[in-house]
Amino acid sequence: MAQAQNAAWSAAPATGDFNTGANWAGGTMPTGTATFAATNKPSITFSAASTTINTFQFVAGAPGNPFTVFGATPQRDSAVIALSAQTRIAAETELYARYDGELGNGADNHALTAGLRMVW
């Protein structure tokens, strides 16, 4: 198993693309901790359809407001679907389920969440 790579966002990156190694100090995009401090590009985009990162860390000098993150643009002729249901099975107990998916040309992403919620 490969060890996660940590990196700091450049103070003056060429673009706002998270997935471009040249925008990171050291030239490599992180997979572990992405650290942000003072920068001239406080808005980032993701050019890859899928990006895995363990931690976003904002340190002294990081843009206070706004720091904007844009996801990958949905594929043309695709649909984003979200469905959820819940039912009360007792006075303070309910079951719930949620489905989120993206279907279309080159896109096939699915997430299912289910659980039991109890309040006392």
PDB file of N, CA and C in Angstrom:
ATOM      1  N   MET A   1       0.840  -1.176   0.000  1.00  0.00           N
ATOM      2  CA  MET A   1       0.000   0.000   0.000  1.00  0.00           C
ATOM      3  C   MET A   1       0.889   1.245   0.000  1.00  0.00           C
ATOM      4  N   ALA A   2       0.620   2.156  -0.900  1.00  0.00           N
ATOM      5  CA  ALA A   2       1.423   3.370  -1.027  1.00  0.00           C
ATOM      6  C   ALA A   2       1.086   4.352   0.090  1.00  0.00           C
ATOM      7  N   GLN A   3       2.107   5.060   0.555  1.00  0.00           N
ATOM      8  CA  GLN A   3       1.913   6.058   1.601  1.00  0.00           C
ATOM      9  C   GLN A   3       1.336   7.323   0.997  1.00  0.00           C
ATOM     10  N   ALA A   4       0.425   7.971   1.740  1.00  0.00           N
ATOM     11  CA  ALA A   4      -0.209   9.200   1.258  1.00  0.00           C
ATOM     12  C   ALA A   4       0.833  10.308   1.104  1.00  0.00           C
ATOM     13  N   GLN A   5       0.695  11.095   0.062  1.00  0.00           N
ATOM     14  CA  GLN A   5       1.594  12.202  -0.245  1.00  0.00           C
ATOM     15  C   GLN A   5       0.989  13.504   0.264  1.00  0.00           C
ATOM     16  N   ASN A   6       1.713  14.259   1.075  1.00  0.00           N
ATOM     17  CA  ASN A   6       1.266  15.565   1.552  1.00  0.00           C
ATOM     18  C   ASN A   6       1.887  16.651   0.686  1.00  0.00           C
ATOM     19  N   ALA A   7       1.154  17.769   0.519  1.00  0.00           N
ATOM     20  CA  ALA A   7       1.693  18.878  -0.275  1.00  0.00           C
ATOM     21  C   ALA A   7       1.007  20.178   0.128  1.00  0.00           C
ATOM     22  N   ALA A   8       1.707  21.286  -0.126  1.00  0.00           N
ATOM     23  CA  ALA A   8       1.174  22.631   0.138  1.00  0.00           C
ATOM     24  C   ALA A   8       0.858  23.301  -1.187  1.00  0.00           C
ATOM     25  N   TRP A   9      -0.310  23.959  -1.240  1.00  0.00           N
ATOM     26  CA  TRP A   9      -0.732  24.718  -2.422  1.00  0.00           C
ATOM     27  C   TRP A   9       0.226  25.879  -2.610  1.00  0.00           C
ATOM     28  N   SER A  10       0.639  26.130  -3.827  1.00  0.00           N
ATOM     29  CA  SER A  10       1.593  27.184  -4.126  1.00  0.00           C
ATOM     30  C   SER A  10       1.014  28.563  -3.817  1.00  0.00           C
ATOM     31  N   ALA A  11       1.881  29.499  -3.431  1.00  0.00           N
ATOM     32  CA  ALA A  11       1.443  30.879  -3.186  1.00  0.00           C
ATOM     33  C   ALA A  11       1.050  31.557  -4.494  1.00  0.00           C
ATOM     34  N   ALA A  12       1.628  31.113  -5.602  1.00  0.00           N
ATOM     35  CA  ALA A  12       1.318  31.694  -6.913  1.00  0.00           C
ATOM     36  C   ALA A  12       1.197  30.583  -7.953  1.00  0.00           C
ATOM     37  N   PRO A  13       0.146  29.735  -7.857  1.00  0.00           N
ATOM     38  CA  PRO A  13      -0.001  28.652  -8.826  1.00  0.00           C
ATOM     39  C   PRO A  13      -0.342  29.191 -10.208  1.00  0.00           C
ATOM     40  N   ALA A  14       0.017  28.444 -11.241  1.00  0.00           N
ATOM     41  CA  ALA A  14      -0.267  28.857 -12.616  1.00  0.00           C
ATOM     42  C   ALA A  14      -1.761  28.865 -12.901  1.00  0.00           C
ATOM     43  N   THR A  15      -2.490  27.889 -12.346  1.00  0.00           N
ATOM     44  CA  THR A  15      -3.944  27.795 -12.527  1.00  0.00           C
ATOM     45  C   THR A  15      -4.565  27.456 -11.177  1.00  0.00           C
ATOM     46  N   GLY A  16      -5.870  27.319 -11.149  1.00  0.00           N
ATOM     47  CA  GLY A  16      -6.563  26.924  -9.926  1.00  0.00           C
ATOM     48  C   GLY A  16      -6.901  25.444  -9.906  1.00  0.00           C
ATOM     49  N   ASP A  17      -6.297  24.645 -10.807  1.00  0.00           N
ATOM     50  CA  ASP A  17      -6.618  23.220 -10.911  1.00  0.00           C
ATOM     51  C   ASP A  17      -5.916  22.402  -9.835  1.00  0.00           C
ATOM     52  N   PHE A  18      -6.701  21.810  -8.947  1.00  0.00           N
ATOM     53  CA  PHE A  18      -6.189  20.967  -7.865  1.00  0.00           C
ATOM     54  C   PHE A  18      -5.364  19.809  -8.414  1.00  0.00           C
ATOM     55  N   ASN A  19      -5.766  19.256  -9.561  1.00  0.00           N
ATOM     56  CA  ASN A  19      -5.146  18.049 -10.101  1.00  0.00           C
ATOM     57  C   ASN A  19      -3.879  18.296 -10.913  1.00  0.00           C
ATOM     58  N   THR A  20      -3.407  19.547 -10.978  1.00  0.00           N
ATOM     59  CA  THR A  20      -2.180  19.867 -11.701  1.00  0.00           C
ATOM     60  C   THR A  20      -1.015  19.931 -10.711  1.00  0.00           C
ATOM     61  N   GLY A  21      -0.076  19.022 -10.849  1.00  0.00           N
ATOM     62  CA  GLY A  21       1.055  18.942  -9.927  1.00  0.00           C
ATOM     63  C   GLY A  21       1.849  20.224  -9.818  1.00  0.00           C
ATOM     64  N   ALA A  22       1.969  20.965 -10.917  1.00  0.00           N
ATOM     65  CA  ALA A  22       2.752  22.202 -10.913  1.00  0.00           C
ATOM     66  C   ALA A  22       2.161  23.269  -9.999  1.00  0.00           C
ATOM     67  N   ASN A  23       0.894  23.126  -9.605  1.00  0.00           N
ATOM     68  CA  ASN A  23       0.263  24.098  -8.708  1.00  0.00           C
ATOM     69  C   ASN A  23       0.595  23.840  -7.233  1.00  0.00           C
ATOM     70  N   TRP A  24       1.352  22.801  -6.970  1.00  0.00           N
ATOM     71  CA  TRP A  24       1.703  22.420  -5.604  1.00  0.00           C
ATOM     72  C   TRP A  24       3.199  22.600  -5.373  1.00  0.00           C
ATOM     73  N   ALA A  25       3.576  23.084  -4.199  1.00  0.00           N
ATOM     74  CA  ALA A  25       4.994  23.178  -3.841  1.00  0.00           C
ATOM     75  C   ALA A  25       5.558  21.760  -3.909  1.00  0.00           C
ATOM     76  N   GLY A  26       6.635  21.567  -4.589  1.00  0.00           N
ATOM     77  CA  GLY A  26       7.209  20.239  -4.760  1.00  0.00           C
ATOM     78  C   GLY A  26       6.766  19.573  -6.057  1.00  0.00           C
ATOM     79  N   GLY A  27       5.749  20.131  -6.729  1.00  0.00           N
ATOM     80  CA  GLY A  27       5.346  19.639  -8.030  1.00  0.00           C
ATOM     81  C   GLY A  27       4.474  18.406  -8.066  1.00  0.00           C
ATOM     82  N   THR A  28       3.971  17.953  -6.903  1.00  0.00           N
ATOM     83  CA  THR A  28       3.146  16.746  -6.872  1.00  0.00           C
ATOM     84  C   THR A  28       1.838  17.014  -6.139  1.00  0.00           C
ATOM     85  N   MET A  29       0.728  16.621  -6.736  1.00  0.00           N
ATOM     86  CA  MET A  29      -0.587  16.752  -6.107  1.00  0.00           C
ATOM     87  C   MET A  29      -0.669  15.828  -4.890  1.00  0.00           C
ATOM     88  N   PRO A  30      -1.241  16.294  -3.773  1.00  0.00           N
ATOM     89  CA  PRO A  30      -1.307  15.453  -2.571  1.00  0.00           C
ATOM     90  C   PRO A  30      -2.409  14.401  -2.644  1.00  0.00           C
ATOM     91  N   THR A  31      -2.203  13.329  -1.893  1.00  0.00           N
ATOM     92  CA  THR A  31      -3.240  12.332  -1.664  1.00  0.00           C
ATOM     93  C   THR A  31      -3.515  12.199  -0.166  1.00  0.00           C
ATOM     94  N   GLY A  32      -2.635  12.779   0.644  1.00  0.00           N
ATOM     95  CA  GLY A  32      -2.786  12.756   2.101  1.00  0.00           C
ATOM     96  C   GLY A  32      -3.381  14.061   2.587  1.00  0.00           C
ATOM     97  N   THR A  33      -2.524  15.014   2.962  1.00  0.00           N
ATOM     98  CA  THR A  33      -2.972  16.320   3.448  1.00  0.00           C
ATOM     99  C   THR A  33      -2.648  17.395   2.422  1.00  0.00           C
ATOM    100  N   ALA A  34      -3.678  18.172   2.058  1.00  0.00           N
ATOM    101  CA  ALA A  34      -3.519  19.331   1.174  1.00  0.00           C
ATOM    102  C   ALA A  34      -3.540  20.563   2.066  1.00  0.00           C
ATOM    103  N   THR A  35      -2.429  21.288   2.127  1.00  0.00           N
ATOM    104  CA  THR A  35      -2.310  22.444   3.006  1.00  0.00           C
ATOM    105  C   THR A  35      -2.426  23.727   2.196  1.00  0.00           C
ATOM    106  N   PHE A  36      -3.234  24.661   2.705  1.00  0.00           N
ATOM    107  CA  PHE A  36      -3.455  25.942   2.043  1.00  0.00           C
ATOM    108  C   PHE A  36      -3.053  27.071   2.977  1.00  0.00           C
ATOM    109  N   ALA A  37      -2.262  28.004   2.481  1.00  0.00           N
ATOM    110  CA  ALA A  37      -1.866  29.217   3.200  1.00  0.00           C
ATOM    111  C   ALA A  37      -2.177  30.388   2.263  1.00  0.00           C
ATOM    112  N   ALA A  38      -1.432  31.475   2.365  1.00  0.00           N
ATOM    113  CA  ALA A  38      -1.650  32.630   1.493  1.00  0.00           C
ATOM    114  C   ALA A  38      -1.451  32.216   0.033  1.00  0.00           C
ATOM    115  N   THR A  39      -2.364  32.625  -0.836  1.00  0.00           N
ATOM    116  CA  THR A  39      -2.282  32.285  -2.253  1.00  0.00           C
ATOM    117  C   THR A  39      -2.999  33.330  -3.086  1.00  0.00           C
ATOM    118  N   ASN A  40      -2.578  33.453  -4.350  1.00  0.00           N
ATOM    119  CA  ASN A  40      -3.269  34.375  -5.246  1.00  0.00           C
ATOM    120  C   ASN A  40      -4.399  33.683  -6.008  1.00  0.00           C
ATOM    121  N   LYS A  41      -4.617  32.388  -5.750  1.00  0.00           N
ATOM    122  CA  LYS A  41      -5.700  31.629  -6.378  1.00  0.00           C
ATOM    123  C   LYS A  41      -6.502  30.902  -5.287  1.00  0.00           C
ATOM    124  N   PRO A  42      -7.427  31.609  -4.602  1.00  0.00           N
ATOM    125  CA  PRO A  42      -8.193  30.964  -3.537  1.00  0.00           C
ATOM    126  C   PRO A  42      -9.374  30.133  -4.036  1.00  0.00           C
ATOM    127  N   SER A  43      -9.602  30.082  -5.346  1.00  0.00           N
ATOM    128  CA  SER A  43     -10.654  29.226  -5.905  1.00  0.00           C
ATOM    129  C   SER A  43      -9.988  28.072  -6.631  1.00  0.00           C
ATOM    130  N   ILE A  44     -10.376  26.847  -6.273  1.00  0.00           N
ATOM    131  CA  ILE A  44      -9.784  25.688  -6.930  1.00  0.00           C
ATOM    132  C   ILE A  44     -10.852  24.913  -7.680  1.00  0.00           C
ATOM    133  N   THR A  45     -10.413  24.232  -8.716  1.00  0.00           N
ATOM    134  CA  THR A  45     -11.280  23.359  -9.491  1.00  0.00           C
ATOM    135  C   THR A  45     -10.651  21.968  -9.521  1.00  0.00           C
ATOM    136  N   PHE A  46     -11.456  20.976  -9.824  1.00  0.00           N
ATOM    137  CA  PHE A  46     -10.983  19.607  -9.958  1.00  0.00           C
ATOM    138  C   PHE A  46     -11.198  19.191 -11.408  1.00  0.00           C
ATOM    139  N   SER A  47     -10.125  18.937 -12.140  1.00  0.00           N
ATOM    140  CA  SER A  47     -10.242  18.538 -13.537  1.00  0.00           C
ATOM    141  C   SER A  47     -10.439  17.034 -13.667  1.00  0.00           C
ATOM    142  N   ALA A  48     -10.044  16.271 -12.671  1.00  0.00           N
ATOM    143  CA  ALA A  48     -10.222  14.820 -12.707  1.00  0.00           C
ATOM    144  C   ALA A  48     -11.651  14.477 -12.281  1.00  0.00           C
ATOM    145  N   ALA A  49     -12.207  13.434 -12.859  1.00  0.00           N
ATOM    146  CA  ALA A  49     -13.563  13.005 -12.511  1.00  0.00           C
ATOM    147  C   ALA A  49     -13.631  12.529 -11.070  1.00  0.00           C
ATOM    148  N   SER A  50     -12.511  12.018 -10.540  1.00  0.00           N
ATOM    149  CA  SER A  50     -12.481  11.518  -9.167  1.00  0.00           C
ATOM    150  C   SER A  50     -11.138  11.882  -8.539  1.00  0.00           C
ATOM    151  N   THR A  51     -11.177  12.477  -7.354  1.00  0.00           N
ATOM    152  CA  THR A  51      -9.969  12.844  -6.626  1.00  0.00           C
ATOM    153  C   THR A  51     -10.131  12.411  -5.186  1.00  0.00           C
ATOM    154  N   THR A  52      -9.150  11.702  -4.644  1.00  0.00           N
ATOM    155  CA  THR A  52      -9.198  11.267  -3.254  1.00  0.00           C
ATOM    156  C   THR A  52      -8.162  12.044  -2.462  1.00  0.00           C
ATOM    157  N   ILE A  53      -8.606  12.640  -1.366  1.00  0.00           N
ATOM    158  CA  ILE A  53      -7.716  13.398  -0.481  1.00  0.00           C
ATOM    159  C   ILE A  53      -8.148  13.107   0.946  1.00  0.00           C
ATOM    160  N   ASN A  54      -7.192  12.933   1.842  1.00  0.00           N
ATOM    161  CA  ASN A  54      -7.535  12.632   3.233  1.00  0.00           C
ATOM    162  C   ASN A  54      -7.935  13.874   4.013  1.00  0.00           C
ATOM    163  N   THR A  55      -7.178  14.975   3.877  1.00  0.00           N
ATOM    164  CA  THR A  55      -7.392  16.146   4.723  1.00  0.00           C
ATOM    165  C   THR A  55      -7.126  17.434   3.960  1.00  0.00           C
ATOM    166  N   PHE A  56      -8.013  18.420   4.139  1.00  0.00           N
ATOM    167  CA  PHE A  56      -7.755  19.787   3.719  1.00  0.00           C
ATOM    168  C   PHE A  56      -7.355  20.548   4.970  1.00  0.00           C
ATOM    169  N   GLN A  57      -6.192  21.192   4.968  1.00  0.00           N
ATOM    170  CA  GLN A  57      -5.702  21.927   6.133  1.00  0.00           C
ATOM    171  C   GLN A  57      -5.483  23.385   5.744  1.00  0.00           C
ATOM    172  N   PHE A  58      -6.074  24.295   6.520  1.00  0.00           N
ATOM    173  CA  PHE A  58      -5.922  25.728   6.287  1.00  0.00           C
ATOM    174  C   PHE A  58      -5.108  26.307   7.426  1.00  0.00           C
ATOM    175  N   VAL A  59      -3.978  26.924   7.104  1.00  0.00           N
ATOM    176  CA  VAL A  59      -3.062  27.452   8.118  1.00  0.00           C
ATOM    177  C   VAL A  59      -3.067  28.975   8.069  1.00  0.00           C
ATOM    178  N   ALA A  60      -2.315  29.603   8.965  1.00  0.00           N
ATOM    179  CA  ALA A  60      -2.237  31.065   9.021  1.00  0.00           C
ATOM    180  C   ALA A  60      -1.949  31.628   7.634  1.00  0.00           C
ATOM    181  N   GLY A  61      -2.692  32.630   7.258  1.00  0.00           N
ATOM    182  CA  GLY A  61      -2.516  33.253   5.949  1.00  0.00           C
ATOM    183  C   GLY A  61      -3.446  32.697   4.889  1.00  0.00           C
ATOM    184  N   ALA A  62      -4.135  31.595   5.198  1.00  0.00           N
ATOM    185  CA  ALA A  62      -5.079  31.031   4.222  1.00  0.00           C
ATOM    186  C   ALA A  62      -6.204  32.022   3.989  1.00  0.00           C
ATOM    187  N   PRO A  63      -6.731  32.067   2.779  1.00  0.00           N
ATOM    188  CA  PRO A  63      -7.823  32.996   2.510  1.00  0.00           C
ATOM    189  C   PRO A  63      -8.966  32.768   3.487  1.00  0.00           C
ATOM    190  N   GLY A  64      -9.411  33.835   4.154  1.00  0.00           N
ATOM    191  CA  GLY A  64     -10.487  33.686   5.125  1.00  0.00           C
ATOM    192  C   GLY A  64     -11.830  33.497   4.462  1.00  0.00           C
ATOM    193  N   ASN A  65     -12.138  34.358   3.515  1.00  0.00           N
ATOM    194  CA  ASN A  65     -13.431  34.264   2.869  1.00  0.00           C
ATOM    195  C   ASN A  65     -13.332  35.008   1.554  1.00  0.00           C
ATOM    196  N   PRO A  66     -13.674  34.497   0.447  1.00  0.00           N
ATOM    197  CA  PRO A  66     -14.127  33.132   0.240  1.00  0.00           C
ATOM    198  C   PRO A  66     -12.986  32.198  -0.166  1.00  0.00           C
ATOM    199  N   PHE A  67     -13.162  30.943   0.069  1.00  0.00           N
ATOM    200  CA  PHE A  67     -12.302  29.894  -0.479  1.00  0.00           C
ATOM    201  C   PHE A  67     -13.270  28.961  -1.178  1.00  0.00           C
ATOM    202  N   THR A  68     -13.257  28.943  -2.484  1.00  0.00           N
ATOM    203  CA  THR A  68     -14.276  28.252  -3.260  1.00  0.00           C
ATOM    204  C   THR A  68     -13.699  27.006  -3.912  1.00  0.00           C
ATOM    205  N   VAL A  69     -14.452  25.911  -3.867  1.00  0.00           N
ATOM    206  CA  VAL A  69     -14.064  24.667  -4.513  1.00  0.00           C
ATOM    207  C   VAL A  69     -15.130  24.319  -5.542  1.00  0.00           C
ATOM    208  N   PHE A  70     -14.703  24.074  -6.773  1.00  0.00           N
ATOM    209  CA  PHE A  70     -15.607  23.673  -7.833  1.00  0.00           C
ATOM    210  C   PHE A  70     -15.295  22.232  -8.207  1.00  0.00           C
ATOM    211  N   GLY A  71     -16.316  21.416  -8.374  1.00  0.00           N
ATOM    212  CA  GLY A  71     -16.135  20.018  -8.766  1.00  0.00           C
ATOM    213  C   GLY A  71     -16.014  19.876 -10.270  1.00  0.00           C
ATOM    214  N   ALA A  72     -15.791  18.656 -10.683  1.00  0.00           N
ATOM    215  CA  ALA A  72     -15.714  18.371 -12.110  1.00  0.00           C
ATOM    216  C   ALA A  72     -17.061  18.677 -12.763  1.00  0.00           C
ATOM    217  N   THR A  73     -17.036  19.183 -13.958  1.00  0.00           N
ATOM    218  CA  THR A  73     -18.257  19.481 -14.691  1.00  0.00           C
ATOM    219  C   THR A  73     -18.967  18.187 -15.046  1.00  0.00           C
ATOM    220  N   PRO A  74     -20.272  18.093 -14.772  1.00  0.00           N
ATOM    221  CA  PRO A  74     -21.003  16.865 -15.140  1.00  0.00           C
ATOM    222  C   PRO A  74     -20.906  16.607 -16.642  1.00  0.00           C
ATOM    223  N   GLN A  75     -20.863  15.338 -16.995  1.00  0.00           N
ATOM    224  CA  GLN A  75     -20.782  14.961 -18.399  1.00  0.00           C
ATOM    225  C   GLN A  75     -22.054  15.391 -19.126  1.00  0.00           C
ATOM    226  N   ARG A  76     -21.907  15.697 -20.391  1.00  0.00           N
ATOM    227  CA  ARG A  76     -23.058  16.045 -21.223  1.00  0.00           C
ATOM    228  C   ARG A  76     -23.973  14.823 -21.316  1.00  0.00           C
ATOM    229  N   ASP A  77     -25.265  15.053 -21.378  1.00  0.00           N
ATOM    230  CA  ASP A  77     -26.262  13.980 -21.465  1.00  0.00           C
ATOM    231  C   ASP A  77     -26.175  13.032 -20.278  1.00  0.00           C
ATOM    232  N   SER A  78     -26.081  13.601 -19.084  1.00  0.00           N
ATOM    233  CA  SER A  78     -26.063  12.781 -17.883  1.00  0.00           C
ATOM    234  C   SER A  78     -27.132  13.288 -16.920  1.00  0.00           C
ATOM    235  N   ALA A  79     -27.416  12.490 -15.918  1.00  0.00           N
ATOM    236  CA  ALA A  79     -28.425  12.857 -14.925  1.00  0.00           C
ATOM    237  C   ALA A  79     -27.874  12.593 -13.525  1.00  0.00           C
ATOM    238  N   VAL A  80     -28.151  13.506 -12.626  1.00  0.00           N
ATOM    239  CA  VAL A  80     -27.804  13.328 -11.216  1.00  0.00           C
ATOM    240  C   VAL A  80     -29.108  13.002 -10.494  1.00  0.00           C
ATOM    241  N   ILE A  81     -29.122  11.889  -9.769  1.00  0.00           N
ATOM    242  CA  ILE A  81     -30.338  11.400  -9.126  1.00  0.00           C
ATOM    243  C   ILE A  81     -30.100  11.292  -7.625  1.00  0.00           C
ATOM    244  N   ALA A  82     -31.072  11.729  -6.846  1.00  0.00           N
ATOM    245  CA  ALA A  82     -31.018  11.573  -5.384  1.00  0.00           C
ATOM    246  C   ALA A  82     -32.397  11.145  -4.900  1.00  0.00           C
ATOM    247  N   LEU A  83     -32.441  10.084  -4.126  1.00  0.00           N
ATOM    248  CA  LEU A  83     -33.681   9.575  -3.552  1.00  0.00           C
ATOM    249  C   LEU A  83     -33.439   9.292  -2.077  1.00  0.00           C
ATOM    250  N   SER A  84     -34.441   9.557  -1.247  1.00  0.00           N
ATOM    251  CA  SER A  84     -34.300   9.210   0.160  1.00  0.00           C
ATOM    252  C   SER A  84     -35.652   8.789   0.718  1.00  0.00           C
ATOM    253  N   ALA A  85     -35.610   7.969   1.748  1.00  0.00           N
ATOM    254  CA  ALA A  85     -36.827   7.507   2.421  1.00  0.00           C
ATOM    255  C   ALA A  85     -36.510   7.286   3.890  1.00  0.00           C
ATOM    256  N   GLN A  86     -37.521   7.502   4.707  1.00  0.00           N
ATOM    257  CA  GLN A  86     -37.376   7.199   6.128  1.00  0.00           C
ATOM    258  C   GLN A  86     -38.732   6.774   6.654  1.00  0.00           C
ATOM    259  N   THR A  87     -38.703   5.942   7.671  1.00  0.00           N
ATOM    260  CA  THR A  87     -39.935   5.486   8.299  1.00  0.00           C
ATOM    261  C   THR A  87     -39.731   5.352   9.793  1.00  0.00           C
ATOM    262  N   ARG A  88     -40.724   5.764  10.537  1.00  0.00           N
ATOM    263  CA  ARG A  88     -40.686   5.663  11.998  1.00  0.00           C
ATOM    264  C   ARG A  88     -41.155   4.259  12.368  1.00  0.00           C
ATOM    265  N   ILE A  89     -40.330   3.503  13.122  1.00  0.00           N
ATOM    266  CA  ILE A  89     -40.706   2.155  13.527  1.00  0.00           C
ATOM    267  C   ILE A  89     -41.079   2.079  15.008  1.00  0.00           C
ATOM    268  N   ALA A  90     -40.836   3.166  15.730  1.00  0.00           N
ATOM    269  CA  ALA A  90     -41.236   3.284  17.137  1.00  0.00           C
ATOM    270  C   ALA A  90     -41.265   4.777  17.454  1.00  0.00           C
ATOM    271  N   ALA A  91     -41.689   5.135  18.648  1.00  0.00           N
ATOM    272  CA  ALA A  91     -41.833   6.539  19.018  1.00  0.00           C
ATOM    273  C   ALA A  91     -40.552   7.336  18.809  1.00  0.00           C
ATOM    274  N   GLU A  92     -39.399   6.759  19.108  1.00  0.00           N
ATOM    275  CA  GLU A  92     -38.134   7.486  18.996  1.00  0.00           C
ATOM    276  C   GLU A  92     -37.106   6.754  18.132  1.00  0.00           C
ATOM    277  N   THR A  93     -37.592   5.951  17.186  1.00  0.00           N
ATOM    278  CA  THR A  93     -36.698   5.154  16.343  1.00  0.00           C
ATOM    279  C   THR A  93     -37.176   5.224  14.896  1.00  0.00           C
ATOM    280  N   GLU A  94     -36.242   5.446  13.986  1.00  0.00           N
ATOM    281  CA  GLU A  94     -36.588   5.430  12.570  1.00  0.00           C
ATOM    282  C   GLU A  94     -35.478   4.797  11.747  1.00  0.00           C
ATOM    283  N   LEU A  95     -35.867   4.233  10.618  1.00  0.00           N
ATOM    284  CA  LEU A  95     -34.945   3.696   9.625  1.00  0.00           C
ATOM    285  C   LEU A  95     -34.867   4.704   8.483  1.00  0.00           C
ATOM    286  N   TYR A  96     -33.697   4.835   7.876  1.00  0.00           N
ATOM    287  CA  TYR A  96     -33.565   5.745   6.751  1.00  0.00           C
ATOM    288  C   TYR A  96     -32.645   5.149   5.693  1.00  0.00           C
ATOM    289  N   ALA A  97     -32.842   5.598   4.458  1.00  0.00           N
ATOM    290  CA  ALA A  97     -31.995   5.180   3.338  1.00  0.00           C
ATOM    291  C   ALA A  97     -31.919   6.332   2.342  1.00  0.00           C
ATOM    292  N   ARG A  98     -30.768   6.454   1.695  1.00  0.00           N
ATOM    293  CA  ARG A  98     -30.571   7.504   0.697  1.00  0.00           C
ATOM    294  C   ARG A  98     -29.703   6.952  -0.434  1.00  0.00           C
ATOM    295  N   TYR A  99     -30.090   7.283  -1.659  1.00  0.00           N
ATOM    296  CA  TYR A  99     -29.323   6.914  -2.844  1.00  0.00           C
ATOM    297  C   TYR A  99     -28.950   8.183  -3.591  1.00  0.00           C
ATOM    298  N   ASP A 100     -27.690   8.311  -3.995  1.00  0.00           N
ATOM    299  CA  ASP A 100     -27.215   9.393  -4.843  1.00  0.00           C
ATOM    300  C   ASP A 100     -26.496   8.752  -6.021  1.00  0.00           C
ATOM    301  N   GLY A 101     -26.792   9.210  -7.214  1.00  0.00           N
ATOM    302  CA  GLY A 101     -26.141   8.624  -8.373  1.00  0.00           C
ATOM    303  C   GLY A 101     -25.984   9.608  -9.505  1.00  0.00           C
ATOM    304  N   GLU A 102     -25.027   9.327 -10.355  1.00  0.00           N
ATOM    305  CA  GLU A 102     -24.835  10.077 -11.590  1.00  0.00           C
ATOM    306  C   GLU A 102     -24.759   9.054 -12.712  1.00  0.00           C
ATOM    307  N   LEU A 103     -25.629   9.200 -13.661  1.00  0.00           N
ATOM    308  CA  LEU A 103     -25.708   8.266 -14.779  1.00  0.00           C
ATOM    309  C   LEU A 103     -25.582   9.046 -16.071  1.00  0.00           C
ATOM    310  N   GLY A 104     -24.865   8.506 -17.023  1.00  0.00           N
ATOM    311  CA  GLY A 104     -24.769   9.189 -18.305  1.00  0.00           C
ATOM    312  C   GLY A 104     -23.570   8.756 -19.098  1.00  0.00           C
ATOM    313  N   ASN A 105     -23.276   9.553 -20.119  1.00  0.00           N
ATOM    314  CA  ASN A 105     -22.189   9.296 -21.033  1.00  0.00           C
ATOM    315  C   ASN A 105     -20.847   9.354 -20.298  1.00  0.00           C
ATOM    316  N   GLY A 106     -20.274   8.209 -19.989  1.00  0.00           N
ATOM    317  CA  GLY A 106     -18.983   8.145 -19.320  1.00  0.00           C
ATOM    318  C   GLY A 106     -19.042   8.314 -17.817  1.00  0.00           C
ATOM    319  N   ALA A 107     -20.247   8.452 -17.241  1.00  0.00           N
ATOM    320  CA  ALA A 107     -20.379   8.637 -15.798  1.00  0.00           C
ATOM    321  C   ALA A 107     -21.209   7.504 -15.214  1.00  0.00           C
ATOM    322  N   ASP A 108     -20.724   6.926 -14.148  1.00  0.00           N
ATOM    323  CA  ASP A 108     -21.448   5.845 -13.482  1.00  0.00           C
ATOM    324  C   ASP A 108     -21.007   5.838 -12.024  1.00  0.00           C
ATOM    325  N   ASN A 109     -21.597   6.735 -11.228  1.00  0.00           N
ATOM    326  CA  ASN A 109     -21.233   6.876  -9.817  1.00  0.00           C
ATOM    327  C   ASN A 109     -22.455   6.627  -8.951  1.00  0.00           C
ATOM    328  N   HIS A 110     -22.292   5.838  -7.894  1.00  0.00           N
ATOM    329  CA  HIS A 110     -23.410   5.489  -7.032  1.00  0.00           C
ATOM    330  C   HIS A 110     -22.983   5.548  -5.565  1.00  0.00           C
ATOM    331  N   ALA A 111     -23.902   5.987  -4.703  1.00  0.00           N
ATOM    332  CA  ALA A 111     -23.659   5.979  -3.256  1.00  0.00           C
ATOM    333  C   ALA A 111     -24.970   5.624  -2.569  1.00  0.00           C
ATOM    334  N   LEU A 112     -24.910   4.711  -1.625  1.00  0.00           N
ATOM    335  CA  LEU A 112     -26.083   4.300  -0.859  1.00  0.00           C
ATOM    336  C   LEU A 112     -25.751   4.438   0.616  1.00  0.00           C
ATOM    337  N   THR A 113     -26.629   5.117   1.342  1.00  0.00           N
ATOM    338  CA  THR A 113     -26.474   5.278   2.775  1.00  0.00           C
ATOM    339  C   THR A 113     -27.737   4.775   3.447  1.00  0.00           C
ATOM    340  N   ALA A 114     -27.598   3.978   4.499  1.00  0.00           N
ATOM    341  CA  ALA A 114     -28.749   3.474   5.235  1.00  0.00           C
ATOM    342  C   ALA A 114     -28.397   3.446   6.712  1.00  0.00           C
ATOM    343  N   GLY A 115     -29.406   3.544   7.545  1.00  0.00           N
ATOM    344  CA  GLY A 115     -29.114   3.505   8.966  1.00  0.00           C
ATOM    345  C   GLY A 115     -30.340   3.443   9.849  1.00  0.00           C
ATOM    346  N   LEU A 116     -30.065   3.379  11.116  1.00  0.00           N
ATOM    347  CA  LEU A 116     -31.072   3.347  12.165  1.00  0.00           C
ATOM    348  C   LEU A 116     -30.813   4.537  13.065  1.00  0.00           C
ATOM    349  N   ARG A 117     -31.823   5.389  13.262  1.00  0.00           N
ATOM    350  CA  ARG A 117     -31.688   6.585  14.089  1.00  0.00           C
ATOM    351  C   ARG A 117     -32.532   6.404  15.341  1.00  0.00           C
ATOM    352  N   MET A 118     -31.904   6.531  16.508  1.00  0.00           N
ATOM    353  CA  MET A 118     -32.599   6.417  17.788  1.00  0.00           C
ATOM    354  C   MET A 118     -32.352   7.658  18.613  1.00  0.00           C
ATOM    355  N   VAL A 119     -33.406   8.194  19.199  1.00  0.00           N
ATOM    356  CA  VAL A 119     -33.314   9.387  20.027  1.00  0.00           C
ATOM    357  C   VAL A 119     -33.805   9.040  21.418  1.00  0.00           C
ATOM    358  N   TRP A 120     -33.080   9.461  22.432  1.00  0.00           N
ATOM    359  CA  TRP A 120     -33.534   9.230  23.814  1.00  0.00           C
ATOM    360  C   TRP A 120     -33.243  10.426  24.661  1.00  0.00           C
TER     361      TRP A 120
END
